Amino acid sequence: MNYPSITLWSDSSFFSPYAMSAYVALTEKGIPFTLKRVDLSQNQQFAAAYRELSLTCRVPTLQIDDFLLSESSAISEYLEERFPAPEFERLYPRDREKRARAREIQAWLRSDFMWIRQERPTEVLFAGERFSPLTASAQQAVDKLVTAVERLLPDGQQNLFGEWSIADTDLAVMLNRLVLHGDPLPARLQHYAEFQWQRASVQLWLAESGKNR
């Protein structure tokens, strides 16, 4: 098969959970792509060359031939349409309502839980760092997250929708901010997050991140 030219721009340390989501989406689709780095510590995202590529001046940015797209959830939805099942692996559930729920989860994770992201930053996920106990505000966010996931995750299932979707990876990122730090979570949610972390596409990203430690 003749594939288009595909490039994904990530942060140079591979600490961005959003770049990770786009990387997992491409890897799950089985599409060859080139991975390029943007050094956020040197503000390369604001350099003229990258500003020409990224509307948002953030990572990730996807380029397929002459088409450029930023924002990880937009990237995964575009890849699902550009490289559809059954020829390529699915990123979203087959069922329409479940697809809508997966997108709801993605949007929520990106727009909420600021306190968790601040007090359990990506250094927990990708460098094993430890931080102070959660504040009351962060614990309140954790309680909201736990309540939602317990409603969303059916008993006896290892995926949200009976089949893997990109929303599982995104949700596992948020949960593993806590699990990998040793913060208490219900066993069922901890096992779910650990299971999702073992997915081959996720492990490939973790290997990229590990090269920079």
N, C-alpha and C. Protein backbone atom coordinates (compact mmCIF):
# COMPACT_ATOMS: atom_id res chain seq x y z
N MET A 1 0.84 -1.19 0.00
CA MET A 1 0.00 0.00 0.00
C MET A 1 0.88 1.24 0.00
N ASN A 2 0.48 2.22 -0.80
CA ASN A 2 1.19 3.49 -0.83
C ASN A 2 0.58 4.45 0.19
N TYR A 3 1.32 4.73 1.25
CA TYR A 3 0.84 5.63 2.29
C TYR A 3 1.27 7.05 1.98
N PRO A 4 0.50 8.03 2.44
CA PRO A 4 0.94 9.42 2.31
C PRO A 4 2.11 9.69 3.24
N SER A 5 2.77 10.82 3.04
CA SER A 5 3.85 11.24 3.93
C SER A 5 3.23 11.76 5.22
N ILE A 6 3.59 11.15 6.35
CA ILE A 6 2.99 11.48 7.64
C ILE A 6 4.08 11.83 8.64
N THR A 7 3.92 12.96 9.33
CA THR A 7 4.84 13.39 10.37
C THR A 7 4.05 13.78 11.61
N LEU A 8 4.55 13.37 12.76
CA LEU A 8 3.97 13.78 14.04
C LEU A 8 5.03 14.53 14.82
N TRP A 9 4.68 15.76 15.25
CA TRP A 9 5.57 16.54 16.10
C TRP A 9 5.18 16.35 17.55
N SER A 10 6.15 15.98 18.36
CA SER A 10 5.96 15.77 19.80
C SER A 10 6.91 16.67 20.56
N ASP A 11 6.65 16.83 21.87
CA ASP A 11 7.65 17.49 22.72
C ASP A 11 8.89 16.62 22.76
N SER A 12 10.04 17.24 22.90
CA SER A 12 11.31 16.51 22.80
C SER A 12 11.52 15.52 23.92
N SER A 13 10.90 15.74 25.08
CA SER A 13 11.06 14.83 26.22
C SER A 13 10.03 13.71 26.22
N PHE A 14 9.06 13.79 25.33
CA PHE A 14 7.97 12.81 25.26
C PHE A 14 7.21 12.74 26.59
N PHE A 15 6.94 13.91 27.15
CA PHE A 15 6.17 14.01 28.39
C PHE A 15 4.74 14.46 28.14
N SER A 16 4.40 14.85 26.94
CA SER A 16 3.05 15.37 26.66
C SER A 16 2.05 14.23 26.53
N PRO A 17 1.02 14.18 27.40
CA PRO A 17 0.01 13.13 27.25
C PRO A 17 -0.81 13.31 25.99
N TYR A 18 -0.85 14.52 25.46
CA TYR A 18 -1.62 14.77 24.24
C TYR A 18 -0.85 14.28 23.02
N ALA A 19 0.47 14.51 23.01
CA ALA A 19 1.29 13.91 21.96
C ALA A 19 1.25 12.39 22.05
N MET A 20 1.24 11.87 23.27
CA MET A 20 1.12 10.43 23.47
C MET A 20 -0.16 9.90 22.85
N SER A 21 -1.28 10.60 23.05
CA SER A 21 -2.56 10.16 22.50
C SER A 21 -2.51 10.08 20.97
N ALA A 22 -1.92 11.10 20.34
CA ALA A 22 -1.80 11.10 18.88
C ALA A 22 -0.86 9.99 18.41
N TYR A 23 0.23 9.78 19.14
CA TYR A 23 1.18 8.72 18.81
C TYR A 23 0.51 7.35 18.89
N VAL A 24 -0.24 7.12 19.95
CA VAL A 24 -0.97 5.86 20.11
C VAL A 24 -1.97 5.67 18.97
N ALA A 25 -2.68 6.73 18.62
CA ALA A 25 -3.66 6.64 17.54
C ALA A 25 -3.00 6.23 16.23
N LEU A 26 -1.90 6.86 15.87
CA LEU A 26 -1.18 6.51 14.65
C LEU A 26 -0.65 5.08 14.71
N THR A 27 -0.10 4.72 15.85
CA THR A 27 0.47 3.37 15.99
C THR A 27 -0.62 2.31 15.90
N GLU A 28 -1.76 2.55 16.52
CA GLU A 28 -2.86 1.59 16.45
C GLU A 28 -3.36 1.44 15.02
N LYS A 29 -3.36 2.51 14.25
CA LYS A 29 -3.78 2.43 12.85
C LYS A 29 -2.79 1.66 11.99
N GLY A 30 -1.57 1.49 12.49
CA GLY A 30 -0.56 0.76 11.73
C GLY A 30 -0.03 1.55 10.55
N ILE A 31 -0.02 2.87 10.69
CA ILE A 31 0.39 3.74 9.59
C ILE A 31 1.84 4.17 9.81
N PRO A 32 2.72 3.99 8.83
CA PRO A 32 4.09 4.49 9.00
C PRO A 32 4.12 6.01 9.13
N PHE A 33 4.92 6.50 10.07
CA PHE A 33 5.03 7.95 10.24
C PHE A 33 6.40 8.30 10.79
N THR A 34 6.77 9.54 10.58
CA THR A 34 8.02 10.08 11.09
C THR A 34 7.72 10.89 12.35
N LEU A 35 8.54 10.72 13.35
CA LEU A 35 8.36 11.43 14.62
C LEU A 35 9.42 12.52 14.72
N LYS A 36 8.98 13.76 14.91
CA LYS A 36 9.90 14.89 15.07
C LYS A 36 9.66 15.55 16.42
N ARG A 37 10.68 16.22 16.92
CA ARG A 37 10.65 16.77 18.27
C ARG A 37 10.62 18.29 18.28
N VAL A 38 9.91 18.81 19.25
CA VAL A 38 9.87 20.25 19.51
C VAL A 38 10.33 20.46 20.95
N ASP A 39 11.37 21.22 21.14
CA ASP A 39 11.93 21.43 22.48
C ASP A 39 11.15 22.56 23.17
N LEU A 40 10.20 22.18 24.01
CA LEU A 40 9.37 23.18 24.68
C LEU A 40 10.17 23.99 25.69
N SER A 41 11.21 23.38 26.25
CA SER A 41 12.03 24.10 27.23
C SER A 41 12.77 25.26 26.60
N GLN A 42 12.97 25.21 25.28
CA GLN A 42 13.62 26.29 24.54
C GLN A 42 12.61 27.13 23.76
N ASN A 43 11.33 26.91 24.07
CA ASN A 43 10.24 27.67 23.42
C ASN A 43 10.24 27.51 21.90
N GLN A 44 10.66 26.34 21.43
CA GLN A 44 10.66 26.11 19.98
C GLN A 44 9.26 26.11 19.39
N GLN A 45 8.25 25.91 20.25
CA GLN A 45 6.88 25.93 19.74
C GLN A 45 6.46 27.31 19.25
N PHE A 46 7.21 28.34 19.66
CA PHE A 46 6.90 29.70 19.24
C PHE A 46 7.83 30.20 18.14
N ALA A 47 8.77 29.37 17.75
CA ALA A 47 9.67 29.75 16.66
C ALA A 47 8.89 29.83 15.36
N ALA A 48 9.39 30.67 14.46
CA ALA A 48 8.66 30.91 13.21
C ALA A 48 8.40 29.62 12.43
N ALA A 49 9.38 28.73 12.41
CA ALA A 49 9.22 27.50 11.63
C ALA A 49 8.06 26.65 12.15
N TYR A 50 7.95 26.56 13.48
CA TYR A 50 6.86 25.74 14.02
C TYR A 50 5.53 26.47 13.97
N ARG A 51 5.55 27.78 14.09
CA ARG A 51 4.31 28.55 13.98
C ARG A 51 3.67 28.36 12.62
N GLU A 52 4.49 28.11 11.61
CA GLU A 52 3.96 27.84 10.27
C GLU A 52 3.25 26.50 10.21
N LEU A 53 3.60 25.61 11.11
CA LEU A 53 3.03 24.26 11.12
C LEU A 53 1.81 24.15 12.02
N SER A 54 1.86 24.78 13.18
CA SER A 54 0.85 24.58 14.20
C SER A 54 0.01 25.83 14.42
N LEU A 55 -1.28 25.70 14.20
CA LEU A 55 -2.19 26.80 14.44
C LEU A 55 -2.18 27.23 15.90
N THR A 56 -1.98 26.28 16.80
CA THR A 56 -2.06 26.53 18.24
C THR A 56 -0.70 26.76 18.89
N CYS A 57 0.38 26.53 18.14
CA CYS A 57 1.74 26.61 18.70
C CYS A 57 1.90 25.65 19.88
N ARG A 58 1.29 24.48 19.75
CA ARG A 58 1.39 23.45 20.78
C ARG A 58 1.69 22.10 20.12
N VAL A 59 2.04 21.13 20.93
CA VAL A 59 2.16 19.76 20.46
C VAL A 59 0.95 18.98 20.97
N PRO A 60 0.56 17.97 20.20
CA PRO A 60 1.14 17.49 18.95
C PRO A 60 0.64 18.28 17.75
N THR A 61 1.38 18.15 16.65
CA THR A 61 0.90 18.56 15.34
C THR A 61 1.11 17.39 14.38
N LEU A 62 0.10 17.15 13.58
CA LEU A 62 0.14 16.09 12.59
C LEU A 62 0.21 16.71 11.20
N GLN A 63 1.10 16.19 10.37
CA GLN A 63 1.13 16.60 8.96
C GLN A 63 0.96 15.37 8.09
N ILE A 64 -0.04 15.39 7.23
CA ILE A 64 -0.24 14.36 6.22
C ILE A 64 -0.21 15.06 4.87
N ASP A 65 0.86 14.80 4.11
CA ASP A 65 1.13 15.55 2.88
C ASP A 65 1.12 17.04 3.21
N ASP A 66 0.21 17.82 2.65
CA ASP A 66 0.20 19.26 2.90
C ASP A 66 -0.80 19.68 3.98
N PHE A 67 -1.51 18.71 4.56
CA PHE A 67 -2.53 19.03 5.56
C PHE A 67 -1.91 19.00 6.95
N LEU A 68 -2.17 20.06 7.72
CA LEU A 68 -1.63 20.20 9.07
C LEU A 68 -2.77 20.29 10.07
N LEU A 69 -2.61 19.60 11.21
CA LEU A 69 -3.67 19.58 12.21
C LEU A 69 -3.05 19.47 13.61
N SER A 70 -3.53 20.30 14.52
CA SER A 70 -3.13 20.21 15.92
C SER A 70 -4.34 19.83 16.76
N GLU A 71 -4.11 19.64 18.06
CA GLU A 71 -5.09 19.19 19.05
C GLU A 71 -5.31 17.67 18.91
N SER A 72 -4.97 16.95 19.96
CA SER A 72 -4.90 15.49 19.90
C SER A 72 -6.23 14.82 19.61
N SER A 73 -7.32 15.31 20.20
CA SER A 73 -8.61 14.66 19.93
C SER A 73 -9.05 14.90 18.49
N ALA A 74 -8.75 16.09 17.94
CA ALA A 74 -9.04 16.34 16.53
C ALA A 74 -8.21 15.42 15.64
N ILE A 75 -6.97 15.18 16.04
CA ILE A 75 -6.11 14.28 15.27
C ILE A 75 -6.66 12.86 15.26
N SER A 76 -7.07 12.34 16.41
CA SER A 76 -7.58 10.98 16.45
C SER A 76 -8.87 10.84 15.64
N GLU A 77 -9.74 11.85 15.70
CA GLU A 77 -10.98 11.78 14.92
C GLU A 77 -10.68 11.85 13.42
N TYR A 78 -9.73 12.68 13.05
CA TYR A 78 -9.35 12.78 11.64
C TYR A 78 -8.75 11.47 11.14
N LEU A 79 -7.87 10.87 11.94
CA LEU A 79 -7.27 9.60 11.54
C LEU A 79 -8.33 8.51 11.38
N GLU A 80 -9.33 8.53 12.23
CA GLU A 80 -10.40 7.53 12.14
C GLU A 80 -11.16 7.66 10.83
N GLU A 81 -11.34 8.89 10.35
CA GLU A 81 -12.03 9.10 9.09
C GLU A 81 -11.11 8.87 7.89
N ARG A 82 -9.88 9.30 8.02
CA ARG A 82 -8.93 9.19 6.90
C ARG A 82 -8.51 7.74 6.66
N PHE A 83 -8.39 6.98 7.73
CA PHE A 83 -7.95 5.57 7.64
C PHE A 83 -8.97 4.70 8.36
N PRO A 84 -10.13 4.49 7.74
CA PRO A 84 -11.26 3.85 8.44
C PRO A 84 -11.11 2.33 8.55
N ALA A 85 -11.86 1.77 9.51
CA ALA A 85 -12.02 0.32 9.62
C ALA A 85 -12.94 -0.13 8.48
N PRO A 86 -12.86 -1.38 8.07
CA PRO A 86 -12.05 -2.47 8.63
C PRO A 86 -10.63 -2.56 8.08
N GLU A 87 -10.30 -1.74 7.11
CA GLU A 87 -8.94 -1.82 6.55
C GLU A 87 -7.90 -1.45 7.59
N PHE A 88 -8.26 -0.52 8.48
CA PHE A 88 -7.36 -0.09 9.55
C PHE A 88 -8.06 -0.32 10.89
N GLU A 89 -7.26 -0.41 11.95
CA GLU A 89 -7.82 -0.63 13.28
C GLU A 89 -8.70 0.55 13.71
N ARG A 90 -9.71 0.25 14.51
CA ARG A 90 -10.60 1.29 15.00
C ARG A 90 -9.96 2.05 16.16
N LEU A 91 -10.25 3.34 16.22
CA LEU A 91 -9.90 4.15 17.38
C LEU A 91 -11.11 4.43 18.25
N TYR A 92 -12.30 4.32 17.68
CA TYR A 92 -13.55 4.61 18.39
C TYR A 92 -14.50 3.42 18.26
N PRO A 93 -15.44 3.29 19.19
CA PRO A 93 -16.36 2.14 19.16
C PRO A 93 -17.21 2.11 17.88
N ARG A 94 -17.69 0.92 17.56
CA ARG A 94 -18.56 0.75 16.40
C ARG A 94 -19.90 1.45 16.59
N ASP A 95 -20.43 1.36 17.80
CA ASP A 95 -21.75 1.90 18.12
C ASP A 95 -21.72 3.43 18.16
N ARG A 96 -22.72 4.06 17.55
CA ARG A 96 -22.75 5.52 17.46
C ARG A 96 -22.78 6.19 18.82
N GLU A 97 -23.64 5.70 19.72
CA GLU A 97 -23.75 6.32 21.04
C GLU A 97 -22.47 6.13 21.85
N LYS A 98 -21.86 4.96 21.70
CA LYS A 98 -20.60 4.73 22.39
C LYS A 98 -19.49 5.62 21.84
N ARG A 99 -19.51 5.86 20.53
CA ARG A 99 -18.54 6.79 19.95
C ARG A 99 -18.71 8.19 20.54
N ALA A 100 -19.98 8.60 20.66
CA ALA A 100 -20.24 9.92 21.26
C ALA A 100 -19.75 9.97 22.70
N ARG A 101 -19.94 8.89 23.45
CA ARG A 101 -19.48 8.85 24.84
C ARG A 101 -17.96 8.92 24.90
N ALA A 102 -17.29 8.22 24.00
CA ALA A 102 -15.83 8.26 23.98
C ALA A 102 -15.33 9.67 23.74
N ARG A 103 -15.98 10.39 22.82
CA ARG A 103 -15.58 11.78 22.56
C ARG A 103 -15.90 12.68 23.75
N GLU A 104 -17.01 12.40 24.43
CA GLU A 104 -17.33 13.16 25.64
C GLU A 104 -16.24 12.99 26.68
N ILE A 105 -15.80 11.75 26.88
CA ILE A 105 -14.74 11.48 27.86
C ILE A 105 -13.46 12.21 27.48
N GLN A 106 -13.09 12.14 26.21
CA GLN A 106 -11.88 12.84 25.76
C GLN A 106 -11.96 14.33 26.03
N ALA A 107 -13.09 14.94 25.67
CA ALA A 107 -13.24 16.38 25.86
C ALA A 107 -13.19 16.74 27.35
N TRP A 108 -13.83 15.93 28.18
CA TRP A 108 -13.87 16.20 29.61
C TRP A 108 -12.49 16.12 30.23
N LEU A 109 -11.74 15.08 29.86
CA LEU A 109 -10.41 14.92 30.42
C LEU A 109 -9.49 16.09 30.07
N ARG A 110 -9.71 16.69 28.91
CA ARG A 110 -8.87 17.79 28.46
C ARG A 110 -9.29 19.14 29.05
N SER A 111 -10.52 19.24 29.50
CA SER A 111 -11.04 20.53 29.95
C SER A 111 -11.23 20.63 31.47
N ASP A 112 -11.05 19.52 32.18
CA ASP A 112 -11.31 19.49 33.62
C ASP A 112 -10.09 18.88 34.33
N PHE A 113 -10.21 18.71 35.63
CA PHE A 113 -9.21 18.03 36.46
C PHE A 113 -7.88 18.79 36.51
N MET A 114 -7.97 20.13 36.51
CA MET A 114 -6.78 20.95 36.57
C MET A 114 -5.96 20.65 37.82
N TRP A 115 -6.66 20.43 38.94
CA TRP A 115 -5.94 20.20 40.20
C TRP A 115 -5.14 18.90 40.16
N ILE A 116 -5.70 17.88 39.53
CA ILE A 116 -4.95 16.62 39.40
C ILE A 116 -3.74 16.83 38.51
N ARG A 117 -3.91 17.53 37.39
CA ARG A 117 -2.79 17.76 36.49
C ARG A 117 -1.69 18.58 37.16
N GLN A 118 -2.09 19.54 38.01
CA GLN A 118 -1.09 20.37 38.68
C GLN A 118 -0.34 19.60 39.76
N GLU A 119 -1.05 18.80 40.54
CA GLU A 119 -0.42 18.14 41.68
C GLU A 119 0.13 16.76 41.36
N ARG A 120 -0.30 16.20 40.23
CA ARG A 120 0.27 14.94 39.74
C ARG A 120 0.62 15.13 38.27
N PRO A 121 1.67 15.94 38.00
CA PRO A 121 2.02 16.28 36.63
C PRO A 121 2.60 15.09 35.87
N THR A 122 2.92 15.32 34.62
CA THR A 122 3.37 14.20 33.77
C THR A 122 4.71 13.63 34.21
N GLU A 123 5.44 14.34 35.06
CA GLU A 123 6.67 13.76 35.61
C GLU A 123 6.38 12.49 36.40
N VAL A 124 5.18 12.37 36.95
CA VAL A 124 4.76 11.13 37.61
C VAL A 124 4.68 10.00 36.60
N LEU A 125 4.07 10.28 35.45
CA LEU A 125 3.82 9.26 34.43
C LEU A 125 5.10 8.79 33.75
N PHE A 126 5.98 9.73 33.45
CA PHE A 126 7.09 9.43 32.54
C PHE A 126 8.47 9.52 33.18
N ALA A 127 8.54 9.95 34.45
CA ALA A 127 9.83 10.02 35.12
C ALA A 127 9.80 9.46 36.53
N GLY A 128 8.63 9.00 36.99
CA GLY A 128 8.53 8.37 38.30
C GLY A 128 8.74 9.32 39.46
N GLU A 129 8.52 10.62 39.27
CA GLU A 129 8.75 11.58 40.34
C GLU A 129 7.61 11.54 41.36
N ARG A 130 7.89 12.05 42.56
CA ARG A 130 6.93 12.06 43.65
C ARG A 130 6.70 13.49 44.13
N PHE A 131 5.48 13.76 44.59
CA PHE A 131 5.10 15.10 45.00
C PHE A 131 4.38 15.05 46.34
N SER A 132 4.00 16.20 46.85
CA SER A 132 3.34 16.30 48.15
C SER A 132 1.97 15.63 48.11
N PRO A 133 1.42 15.29 49.29
CA PRO A 133 0.07 14.74 49.33
C PRO A 133 -0.92 15.68 48.66
N LEU A 134 -1.99 15.11 48.16
CA LEU A 134 -3.01 15.89 47.46
C LEU A 134 -3.66 16.90 48.40
N THR A 135 -3.90 18.09 47.89
CA THR A 135 -4.66 19.08 48.65
C THR A 135 -6.14 18.72 48.62
N ALA A 136 -6.92 19.43 49.40
CA ALA A 136 -8.36 19.18 49.43
C ALA A 136 -9.00 19.40 48.06
N SER A 137 -8.53 20.42 47.34
CA SER A 137 -9.08 20.69 46.01
C SER A 137 -8.78 19.56 45.04
N ALA A 138 -7.55 19.04 45.09
CA ALA A 138 -7.19 17.93 44.21
C ALA A 138 -7.96 16.67 44.59
N GLN A 139 -8.12 16.42 45.88
CA GLN A 139 -8.85 15.23 46.31
C GLN A 139 -10.31 15.31 45.87
N GLN A 140 -10.87 16.49 45.89
CA GLN A 140 -12.24 16.66 45.40
C GLN A 140 -12.33 16.29 43.92
N ALA A 141 -11.33 16.70 43.14
CA ALA A 141 -11.29 16.34 41.72
C ALA A 141 -11.14 14.83 41.55
N VAL A 142 -10.31 14.21 42.39
CA VAL A 142 -10.15 12.76 42.34
C VAL A 142 -11.47 12.06 42.64
N ASP A 143 -12.17 12.54 43.64
CA ASP A 143 -13.46 11.92 43.99
C ASP A 143 -14.44 12.01 42.83
N LYS A 144 -14.45 13.14 42.16
CA LYS A 144 -15.34 13.29 40.99
C LYS A 144 -14.94 12.33 39.88
N LEU A 145 -13.64 12.21 39.64
CA LEU A 145 -13.14 11.30 38.62
C LEU A 145 -13.51 9.85 38.95
N VAL A 146 -13.28 9.44 40.17
CA VAL A 146 -13.57 8.07 40.59
C VAL A 146 -15.05 7.76 40.43
N THR A 147 -15.91 8.66 40.87
CA THR A 147 -17.34 8.45 40.75
C THR A 147 -17.75 8.25 39.30
N ALA A 148 -17.19 9.06 38.41
CA ALA A 148 -17.52 8.96 36.99
C ALA A 148 -17.03 7.65 36.39
N VAL A 149 -15.79 7.28 36.68
CA VAL A 149 -15.23 6.07 36.07
C VAL A 149 -15.94 4.83 36.58
N GLU A 150 -16.33 4.82 37.84
CA GLU A 150 -17.07 3.67 38.37
C GLU A 150 -18.42 3.52 37.67
N ARG A 151 -19.00 4.62 37.23
CA ARG A 151 -20.24 4.56 36.45
C ARG A 151 -19.97 4.09 35.02
N LEU A 152 -18.85 4.53 34.46
CA LEU A 152 -18.55 4.27 33.05
C LEU A 152 -18.03 2.87 32.79
N LEU A 153 -17.25 2.32 33.70
CA LEU A 153 -16.56 1.06 33.47
C LEU A 153 -17.42 -0.11 33.92
N PRO A 154 -17.92 -0.94 32.98
CA PRO A 154 -18.76 -2.07 33.37
C PRO A 154 -17.97 -3.09 34.20
N ASP A 155 -18.63 -3.73 35.13
CA ASP A 155 -18.00 -4.77 35.93
C ASP A 155 -17.47 -5.88 35.02
N GLY A 156 -16.28 -6.33 35.32
CA GLY A 156 -15.70 -7.45 34.59
C GLY A 156 -15.11 -7.09 33.25
N GLN A 157 -15.08 -5.81 32.88
CA GLN A 157 -14.51 -5.40 31.60
C GLN A 157 -13.19 -4.67 31.81
N GLN A 158 -12.30 -4.83 30.86
CA GLN A 158 -11.01 -4.15 30.92
C GLN A 158 -10.95 -2.92 30.01
N ASN A 159 -12.03 -2.72 29.23
CA ASN A 159 -12.16 -1.54 28.38
C ASN A 159 -13.51 -0.90 28.64
N LEU A 160 -13.62 0.39 28.34
CA LEU A 160 -14.85 1.11 28.63
C LEU A 160 -16.04 0.60 27.84
N PHE A 161 -15.81 0.19 26.59
CA PHE A 161 -16.91 -0.09 25.68
C PHE A 161 -16.92 -1.51 25.15
N GLY A 162 -16.26 -2.43 25.86
CA GLY A 162 -16.21 -3.82 25.39
C GLY A 162 -15.19 -4.05 24.31
N GLU A 163 -14.54 -2.99 23.86
CA GLU A 163 -13.44 -3.04 22.90
C GLU A 163 -12.58 -1.82 23.18
N TRP A 164 -11.29 -1.92 22.90
CA TRP A 164 -10.41 -0.79 23.16
C TRP A 164 -10.80 0.41 22.31
N SER A 165 -10.66 1.60 22.88
CA SER A 165 -10.77 2.84 22.11
C SER A 165 -9.72 3.81 22.62
N ILE A 166 -9.48 4.87 21.85
CA ILE A 166 -8.50 5.86 22.25
C ILE A 166 -8.90 6.54 23.55
N ALA A 167 -10.19 6.54 23.86
CA ALA A 167 -10.64 7.11 25.14
C ALA A 167 -10.10 6.31 26.32
N ASP A 168 -9.89 4.99 26.14
CA ASP A 168 -9.30 4.18 27.20
C ASP A 168 -7.88 4.66 27.52
N THR A 169 -7.11 4.93 26.49
CA THR A 169 -5.75 5.42 26.71
C THR A 169 -5.77 6.77 27.40
N ASP A 170 -6.63 7.68 26.94
CA ASP A 170 -6.68 9.01 27.54
C ASP A 170 -7.12 8.95 29.00
N LEU A 171 -8.10 8.10 29.29
CA LEU A 171 -8.56 7.97 30.68
C LEU A 171 -7.48 7.33 31.55
N ALA A 172 -6.77 6.35 31.01
CA ALA A 172 -5.70 5.71 31.78
C ALA A 172 -4.59 6.69 32.13
N VAL A 173 -4.34 7.66 31.25
CA VAL A 173 -3.35 8.69 31.56
C VAL A 173 -3.74 9.43 32.84
N MET A 174 -5.00 9.85 32.91
CA MET A 174 -5.45 10.60 34.09
C MET A 174 -5.39 9.72 35.34
N LEU A 175 -5.87 8.49 35.24
CA LEU A 175 -5.87 7.60 36.40
C LEU A 175 -4.46 7.26 36.84
N ASN A 176 -3.56 7.06 35.87
CA ASN A 176 -2.21 6.67 36.23
C ASN A 176 -1.39 7.81 36.83
N ARG A 177 -1.85 9.03 36.69
CA ARG A 177 -1.23 10.11 37.46
C ARG A 177 -1.32 9.80 38.95
N LEU A 178 -2.37 9.10 39.33
CA LEU A 178 -2.61 8.74 40.73
C LEU A 178 -2.03 7.36 41.05
N VAL A 179 -2.33 6.38 40.19
CA VAL A 179 -1.89 5.01 40.44
C VAL A 179 -0.36 4.94 40.55
N LEU A 180 0.34 5.54 39.59
CA LEU A 180 1.79 5.46 39.57
C LEU A 180 2.44 6.27 40.69
N HIS A 181 1.66 7.16 41.30
CA HIS A 181 2.17 7.93 42.43
C HIS A 181 1.89 7.22 43.76
N GLY A 182 1.06 6.18 43.71
CA GLY A 182 0.71 5.47 44.93
C GLY A 182 -0.48 6.04 45.67
N ASP A 183 -1.21 6.94 45.04
CA ASP A 183 -2.43 7.48 45.66
C ASP A 183 -3.52 6.41 45.63
N PRO A 184 -4.32 6.32 46.68
CA PRO A 184 -5.32 5.24 46.74
C PRO A 184 -6.45 5.44 45.75
N LEU A 185 -6.80 4.37 45.06
CA LEU A 185 -7.94 4.31 44.16
C LEU A 185 -8.61 2.96 44.36
N PRO A 186 -9.90 2.84 44.04
CA PRO A 186 -10.54 1.52 44.08
C PRO A 186 -9.77 0.52 43.23
N ALA A 187 -9.68 -0.71 43.71
CA ALA A 187 -8.87 -1.72 43.03
C ALA A 187 -9.28 -1.91 41.58
N ARG A 188 -10.57 -1.85 41.30
CA ARG A 188 -11.05 -2.07 39.94
C ARG A 188 -10.52 -1.00 38.99
N LEU A 189 -10.46 0.25 39.46
CA LEU A 189 -9.95 1.33 38.62
C LEU A 189 -8.44 1.24 38.47
N GLN A 190 -7.77 0.84 39.55
CA GLN A 190 -6.32 0.66 39.46
C GLN A 190 -5.96 -0.42 38.46
N HIS A 191 -6.67 -1.54 38.50
CA HIS A 191 -6.39 -2.63 37.57
C HIS A 191 -6.67 -2.21 36.13
N TYR A 192 -7.74 -1.44 35.94
CA TYR A 192 -8.06 -0.94 34.60
C TYR A 192 -6.92 -0.07 34.06
N ALA A 193 -6.45 0.87 34.89
CA ALA A 193 -5.38 1.77 34.46
C ALA A 193 -4.10 0.99 34.16
N GLU A 194 -3.78 0.02 34.99
CA GLU A 194 -2.57 -0.79 34.78
C GLU A 194 -2.69 -1.62 33.51
N PHE A 195 -3.88 -2.17 33.25
CA PHE A 195 -4.09 -2.95 32.03
C PHE A 195 -3.91 -2.09 30.79
N GLN A 196 -4.48 -0.90 30.79
CA GLN A 196 -4.36 -0.02 29.62
C GLN A 196 -2.91 0.40 29.39
N TRP A 197 -2.15 0.53 30.45
CA TRP A 197 -0.75 0.97 30.35
C TRP A 197 0.13 -0.08 29.67
N GLN A 198 -0.34 -1.33 29.65
CA GLN A 198 0.43 -2.41 29.05
C GLN A 198 0.18 -2.56 27.56
N ARG A 199 -0.73 -1.80 27.00
CA ARG A 199 -1.01 -1.90 25.58
C ARG A 199 0.26 -1.60 24.78
N ALA A 200 0.48 -2.34 23.69
CA ALA A 200 1.74 -2.25 22.95
C ALA A 200 2.04 -0.83 22.48
N SER A 201 1.03 -0.13 21.98
CA SER A 201 1.25 1.23 21.48
C SER A 201 1.66 2.17 22.61
N VAL A 202 1.09 1.97 23.80
CA VAL A 202 1.47 2.79 24.95
C VAL A 202 2.90 2.48 25.38
N GLN A 203 3.25 1.20 25.39
CA GLN A 203 4.60 0.82 25.78
C GLN A 203 5.65 1.37 24.81
N LEU A 204 5.31 1.48 23.54
CA LEU A 204 6.24 2.07 22.58
C LEU A 204 6.48 3.55 22.91
N TRP A 205 5.42 4.25 23.29
CA TRP A 205 5.59 5.64 23.70
C TRP A 205 6.45 5.74 24.96
N LEU A 206 6.18 4.88 25.93
CA LEU A 206 6.94 4.90 27.17
C LEU A 206 8.41 4.61 26.90
N ALA A 207 8.68 3.77 25.93
CA ALA A 207 10.07 3.50 25.55
C ALA A 207 10.72 4.75 24.97
N GLU A 208 9.99 5.51 24.16
CA GLU A 208 10.52 6.77 23.62
C GLU A 208 10.80 7.75 24.77
N SER A 209 9.87 7.83 25.71
CA SER A 209 10.05 8.71 26.86
C SER A 209 11.25 8.29 27.68
N GLY A 210 11.41 6.98 27.86
CA GLY A 210 12.52 6.48 28.67
C GLY A 210 13.89 6.79 28.09
N LYS A 211 13.96 6.96 26.79
CA LYS A 211 15.25 7.29 26.17
C LYS A 211 15.78 8.63 26.62
N ASN A 212 14.88 9.49 27.12
CA ASN A 212 15.26 10.85 27.46
C ASN A 212 15.51 11.05 28.96
N ARG A 213 15.45 9.96 29.72
CA ARG A 213 15.68 10.08 31.16
C ARG A 213 17.16 10.06 31.49
